[in-house]
Amino acid sequence: MSQRMSEEKIKQLKDIVKKSKDKQLLSSAYADLGKLYLTCGNFTSAEEMYRKALTINEELGMKQGMASQYGNLGILYKTRGDLKAAEEMYRKSLAINEELGRKEGMA
């Protein structure tokens, strides 16, 4: 994805976030923004978006979403070279996936 396309997608998602009252939609939009920022190399913004998505999932008790965001944070930290933090996030994601019996989240 080109830088220009990524910037356009980020703007579109930000517009959705600003207008939405649906917390699940907000969580998904924040996670998607995090992935776009990560792809663009903007690690600080990616982390901020993943943490916003995580907070919403925690508030809603959505454990599968929490596991996904911990996994996303693990990828981010691994990409940054912070292997200790990455392992911590991966372990949190794994624990939730084991609790939920989600084999695809345990691979």
N, C-alpha and C. Protein backbone atom coordinates (compact mmCIF):
# COMPACT_ATOMS: atom_id res chain seq x y z
N MET A 1 0.85 -1.17 0.00
CA MET A 1 0.00 0.00 0.00
C MET A 1 0.90 1.23 0.00
N SER A 2 0.62 2.16 -0.89
CA SER A 2 1.44 3.37 -0.97
C SER A 2 1.20 4.27 0.24
N GLN A 3 2.14 5.15 0.45
CA GLN A 3 2.02 6.10 1.57
C GLN A 3 0.76 6.95 1.41
N ARG A 4 0.49 7.39 0.18
CA ARG A 4 -0.69 8.23 -0.08
C ARG A 4 -1.98 7.48 0.22
N MET A 5 -2.05 6.21 -0.22
CA MET A 5 -3.25 5.41 0.05
C MET A 5 -3.42 5.20 1.55
N SER A 6 -2.32 4.97 2.24
CA SER A 6 -2.38 4.76 3.68
C SER A 6 -2.90 6.02 4.38
N GLU A 7 -2.40 7.17 3.96
CA GLU A 7 -2.85 8.42 4.56
C GLU A 7 -4.34 8.65 4.31
N GLU A 8 -4.82 8.30 3.12
CA GLU A 8 -6.25 8.44 2.82
C GLU A 8 -7.08 7.50 3.69
N LYS A 9 -6.62 6.27 3.86
CA LYS A 9 -7.34 5.31 4.70
C LYS A 9 -7.37 5.77 6.15
N ILE A 10 -6.26 6.30 6.62
CA ILE A 10 -6.20 6.81 7.99
C ILE A 10 -7.22 7.94 8.16
N LYS A 11 -7.29 8.84 7.20
CA LYS A 11 -8.25 9.94 7.29
C LYS A 11 -9.68 9.41 7.29
N GLN A 12 -9.98 8.43 6.44
CA GLN A 12 -11.33 7.85 6.39
C GLN A 12 -11.68 7.20 7.73
N LEU A 13 -10.76 6.44 8.28
CA LEU A 13 -11.02 5.79 9.57
C LEU A 13 -11.17 6.81 10.69
N LYS A 14 -10.38 7.85 10.67
CA LYS A 14 -10.51 8.89 11.70
C LYS A 14 -11.90 9.54 11.63
N ASP A 15 -12.39 9.74 10.42
CA ASP A 15 -13.73 10.31 10.26
C ASP A 15 -14.78 9.38 10.84
N ILE A 16 -14.64 8.08 10.62
CA ILE A 16 -15.58 7.10 11.17
C ILE A 16 -15.55 7.16 12.69
N VAL A 17 -14.33 7.19 13.24
CA VAL A 17 -14.17 7.22 14.69
C VAL A 17 -14.84 8.46 15.29
N LYS A 18 -14.66 9.60 14.65
CA LYS A 18 -15.23 10.84 15.18
C LYS A 18 -16.76 10.79 15.20
N LYS A 19 -17.37 10.12 14.25
CA LYS A 19 -18.83 10.11 14.11
C LYS A 19 -19.51 8.98 14.88
N SER A 20 -18.79 7.94 15.18
CA SER A 20 -19.42 6.74 15.71
C SER A 20 -19.68 6.80 17.22
N LYS A 21 -20.80 6.24 17.60
CA LYS A 21 -21.12 6.05 19.02
C LYS A 21 -21.05 4.56 19.39
N ASP A 22 -20.88 3.71 18.38
CA ASP A 22 -20.82 2.26 18.55
C ASP A 22 -19.42 1.87 19.02
N LYS A 23 -19.33 1.42 20.26
CA LYS A 23 -18.01 1.13 20.83
C LYS A 23 -17.29 -0.01 20.12
N GLN A 24 -18.04 -1.03 19.66
CA GLN A 24 -17.39 -2.12 18.94
C GLN A 24 -16.79 -1.60 17.63
N LEU A 25 -17.53 -0.75 16.94
CA LEU A 25 -17.02 -0.16 15.71
C LEU A 25 -15.80 0.70 15.99
N LEU A 26 -15.85 1.46 17.06
CA LEU A 26 -14.70 2.27 17.46
C LEU A 26 -13.47 1.41 17.71
N SER A 27 -13.67 0.32 18.42
CA SER A 27 -12.56 -0.57 18.71
C SER A 27 -11.94 -1.10 17.42
N SER A 28 -12.79 -1.53 16.49
CA SER A 28 -12.29 -2.04 15.20
C SER A 28 -11.57 -0.94 14.42
N ALA A 29 -12.13 0.26 14.42
CA ALA A 29 -11.51 1.37 13.69
C ALA A 29 -10.15 1.72 14.30
N TYR A 30 -10.07 1.75 15.63
CA TYR A 30 -8.79 2.02 16.27
C TYR A 30 -7.76 0.94 15.93
N ALA A 31 -8.17 -0.31 15.95
CA ALA A 31 -7.26 -1.41 15.61
C ALA A 31 -6.78 -1.28 14.17
N ASP A 32 -7.70 -0.95 13.27
CA ASP A 32 -7.32 -0.77 11.86
C ASP A 32 -6.37 0.41 11.69
N LEU A 33 -6.65 1.49 12.41
CA LEU A 33 -5.73 2.63 12.38
C LEU A 33 -4.35 2.23 12.89
N GLY A 34 -4.33 1.43 13.94
CA GLY A 34 -3.05 0.96 14.47
C GLY A 34 -2.27 0.19 13.43
N LYS A 35 -2.96 -0.68 12.69
CA LYS A 35 -2.28 -1.46 11.65
C LYS A 35 -1.75 -0.56 10.55
N LEU A 36 -2.54 0.44 10.16
CA LEU A 36 -2.07 1.37 9.13
C LEU A 36 -0.86 2.17 9.61
N TYR A 37 -0.93 2.66 10.84
CA TYR A 37 0.21 3.41 11.37
C TYR A 37 1.45 2.51 11.45
N LEU A 38 1.28 1.27 11.87
CA LEU A 38 2.41 0.35 11.96
C LEU A 38 3.02 0.15 10.57
N THR A 39 2.16 -0.04 9.57
CA THR A 39 2.62 -0.23 8.19
C THR A 39 3.41 0.99 7.70
N CYS A 40 2.99 2.17 8.14
CA CYS A 40 3.67 3.42 7.74
C CYS A 40 4.91 3.70 8.58
N GLY A 41 5.15 2.87 9.61
CA GLY A 41 6.31 3.07 10.46
C GLY A 41 6.11 4.07 11.58
N ASN A 42 4.86 4.47 11.82
CA ASN A 42 4.56 5.42 12.89
C ASN A 42 4.19 4.61 14.14
N PHE A 43 5.21 4.14 14.84
CA PHE A 43 5.01 3.23 15.96
C PHE A 43 4.29 3.87 17.15
N THR A 44 4.55 5.13 17.39
CA THR A 44 3.91 5.82 18.52
C THR A 44 2.40 5.89 18.31
N SER A 45 1.98 6.28 17.13
CA SER A 45 0.54 6.36 16.84
C SER A 45 -0.09 4.98 16.79
N ALA A 46 0.65 4.00 16.27
CA ALA A 46 0.14 2.63 16.23
C ALA A 46 -0.14 2.13 17.65
N GLU A 47 0.80 2.36 18.55
CA GLU A 47 0.60 1.92 19.94
C GLU A 47 -0.59 2.63 20.57
N GLU A 48 -0.73 3.91 20.32
CA GLU A 48 -1.85 4.67 20.87
C GLU A 48 -3.18 4.08 20.40
N MET A 49 -3.27 3.76 19.12
CA MET A 49 -4.52 3.21 18.57
C MET A 49 -4.80 1.82 19.13
N TYR A 50 -3.78 0.97 19.21
CA TYR A 50 -3.97 -0.37 19.77
C TYR A 50 -4.42 -0.29 21.22
N ARG A 51 -3.85 0.64 21.96
CA ARG A 51 -4.23 0.78 23.38
C ARG A 51 -5.66 1.30 23.52
N LYS A 52 -6.08 2.19 22.63
CA LYS A 52 -7.47 2.66 22.66
C LYS A 52 -8.42 1.49 22.37
N ALA A 53 -8.08 0.68 21.38
CA ALA A 53 -8.90 -0.48 21.05
C ALA A 53 -8.94 -1.45 22.23
N LEU A 54 -7.80 -1.67 22.86
CA LEU A 54 -7.72 -2.56 24.02
C LEU A 54 -8.60 -2.06 25.16
N THR A 55 -8.54 -0.78 25.44
CA THR A 55 -9.34 -0.20 26.51
C THR A 55 -10.84 -0.41 26.26
N ILE A 56 -11.27 -0.18 25.05
CA ILE A 56 -12.69 -0.39 24.72
C ILE A 56 -13.06 -1.85 24.89
N ASN A 57 -12.21 -2.75 24.42
CA ASN A 57 -12.49 -4.18 24.57
C ASN A 57 -12.56 -4.58 26.03
N GLU A 58 -11.69 -4.00 26.85
CA GLU A 58 -11.74 -4.28 28.29
C GLU A 58 -13.05 -3.77 28.88
N GLU A 59 -13.45 -2.56 28.51
CA GLU A 59 -14.70 -1.99 29.02
C GLU A 59 -15.91 -2.84 28.65
N LEU A 60 -15.88 -3.39 27.44
CA LEU A 60 -17.00 -4.19 26.95
C LEU A 60 -16.90 -5.67 27.34
N GLY A 61 -15.78 -6.05 27.96
CA GLY A 61 -15.58 -7.44 28.34
C GLY A 61 -15.38 -8.36 27.14
N MET A 62 -14.85 -7.82 26.06
CA MET A 62 -14.65 -8.59 24.82
C MET A 62 -13.25 -9.21 24.84
N LYS A 63 -13.19 -10.41 25.38
CA LYS A 63 -11.90 -11.05 25.57
C LYS A 63 -11.18 -11.39 24.27
N GLN A 64 -11.93 -11.78 23.26
CA GLN A 64 -11.29 -12.08 21.98
C GLN A 64 -10.63 -10.82 21.41
N GLY A 65 -11.31 -9.69 21.53
CA GLY A 65 -10.73 -8.42 21.09
C GLY A 65 -9.50 -8.04 21.91
N MET A 66 -9.56 -8.32 23.21
CA MET A 66 -8.41 -8.04 24.07
C MET A 66 -7.21 -8.87 23.62
N ALA A 67 -7.45 -10.15 23.35
CA ALA A 67 -6.37 -11.02 22.91
C ALA A 67 -5.77 -10.51 21.60
N SER A 68 -6.62 -10.06 20.70
CA SER A 68 -6.13 -9.54 19.42
C SER A 68 -5.26 -8.30 19.62
N GLN A 69 -5.69 -7.41 20.49
CA GLN A 69 -4.92 -6.18 20.71
C GLN A 69 -3.60 -6.46 21.42
N TYR A 70 -3.61 -7.41 22.36
CA TYR A 70 -2.33 -7.79 22.98
C TYR A 70 -1.40 -8.37 21.92
N GLY A 71 -1.95 -9.16 21.00
CA GLY A 71 -1.15 -9.71 19.91
C GLY A 71 -0.61 -8.60 19.01
N ASN A 72 -1.46 -7.62 18.69
CA ASN A 72 -1.01 -6.49 17.88
C ASN A 72 0.10 -5.71 18.58
N LEU A 73 -0.07 -5.49 19.87
CA LEU A 73 0.98 -4.79 20.62
C LEU A 73 2.27 -5.61 20.62
N GLY A 74 2.14 -6.93 20.71
CA GLY A 74 3.33 -7.80 20.64
C GLY A 74 4.06 -7.64 19.32
N ILE A 75 3.31 -7.60 18.23
CA ILE A 75 3.92 -7.39 16.91
C ILE A 75 4.63 -6.04 16.86
N LEU A 76 3.96 -5.02 17.38
CA LEU A 76 4.54 -3.68 17.39
C LEU A 76 5.85 -3.66 18.16
N TYR A 77 5.84 -4.21 19.37
CA TYR A 77 7.05 -4.19 20.20
C TYR A 77 8.16 -5.02 19.57
N LYS A 78 7.80 -6.15 18.95
CA LYS A 78 8.80 -6.96 18.26
C LYS A 78 9.42 -6.17 17.12
N THR A 79 8.59 -5.46 16.37
CA THR A 79 9.07 -4.64 15.25
C THR A 79 10.01 -3.55 15.75
N ARG A 80 9.71 -2.99 16.91
CA ARG A 80 10.56 -1.95 17.52
C ARG A 80 11.86 -2.52 18.07
N GLY A 81 11.88 -3.84 18.28
CA GLY A 81 13.06 -4.47 18.85
C GLY A 81 12.99 -4.65 20.35
N ASP A 82 11.83 -4.38 20.95
CA ASP A 82 11.63 -4.54 22.39
C ASP A 82 11.06 -5.94 22.65
N LEU A 83 11.95 -6.92 22.65
CA LEU A 83 11.51 -8.31 22.72
C LEU A 83 10.89 -8.68 24.07
N LYS A 84 11.34 -8.05 25.13
CA LYS A 84 10.77 -8.33 26.46
C LYS A 84 9.30 -7.90 26.50
N ALA A 85 9.02 -6.69 26.04
CA ALA A 85 7.64 -6.20 26.01
C ALA A 85 6.80 -7.02 25.04
N ALA A 86 7.39 -7.41 23.91
CA ALA A 86 6.67 -8.23 22.93
C ALA A 86 6.26 -9.56 23.55
N GLU A 87 7.18 -10.20 24.26
CA GLU A 87 6.87 -11.47 24.90
C GLU A 87 5.75 -11.32 25.92
N GLU A 88 5.78 -10.24 26.68
CA GLU A 88 4.74 -10.00 27.68
C GLU A 88 3.36 -9.90 27.01
N MET A 89 3.29 -9.17 25.91
CA MET A 89 2.02 -9.02 25.20
C MET A 89 1.56 -10.35 24.60
N TYR A 90 2.51 -11.09 24.01
CA TYR A 90 2.17 -12.39 23.43
C TYR A 90 1.65 -13.34 24.50
N ARG A 91 2.26 -13.30 25.68
CA ARG A 91 1.80 -14.17 26.77
C ARG A 91 0.40 -13.80 27.23
N LYS A 92 0.10 -12.51 27.29
CA LYS A 92 -1.26 -12.08 27.67
C LYS A 92 -2.27 -12.54 26.63
N SER A 93 -1.91 -12.39 25.37
CA SER A 93 -2.80 -12.83 24.28
C SER A 93 -3.02 -14.34 24.36
N LEU A 94 -1.94 -15.08 24.55
CA LEU A 94 -2.03 -16.54 24.63
C LEU A 94 -2.91 -16.98 25.79
N ALA A 95 -2.75 -16.35 26.96
CA ALA A 95 -3.54 -16.73 28.13
C ALA A 95 -5.03 -16.56 27.87
N ILE A 96 -5.40 -15.45 27.25
CA ILE A 96 -6.82 -15.21 26.95
C ILE A 96 -7.32 -16.22 25.92
N ASN A 97 -6.52 -16.46 24.89
CA ASN A 97 -6.94 -17.42 23.86
C ASN A 97 -7.08 -18.83 24.43
N GLU A 98 -6.19 -19.20 25.34
CA GLU A 98 -6.31 -20.51 26.00
C GLU A 98 -7.59 -20.56 26.82
N GLU A 99 -7.88 -19.49 27.55
CA GLU A 99 -9.09 -19.41 28.36
C GLU A 99 -10.34 -19.57 27.48
N LEU A 100 -10.30 -18.97 26.29
CA LEU A 100 -11.45 -19.02 25.38
C LEU A 100 -11.47 -20.28 24.52
N GLY A 101 -10.39 -21.07 24.57
CA GLY A 101 -10.30 -22.27 23.74
C GLY A 101 -10.12 -21.95 22.27
N ARG A 102 -9.57 -20.80 21.95
CA ARG A 102 -9.34 -20.37 20.57
C ARG A 102 -7.99 -20.86 20.08
N LYS A 103 -8.01 -21.98 19.37
CA LYS A 103 -6.76 -22.56 18.88
C LYS A 103 -6.05 -21.67 17.88
N GLU A 104 -6.83 -20.95 17.05
CA GLU A 104 -6.20 -20.08 16.07
C GLU A 104 -5.41 -18.95 16.74
N GLY A 105 -5.76 -18.60 17.95
CA GLY A 105 -5.04 -17.57 18.68
C GLY A 105 -3.86 -18.12 19.47
N MET A 106 -3.69 -19.44 19.44
CA MET A 106 -2.60 -20.06 20.19
C MET A 106 -1.44 -20.49 19.30
N ALA A 107 -1.58 -20.29 18.01
CA ALA A 107 -0.55 -20.77 17.08
C ALA A 107 0.67 -19.89 17.09
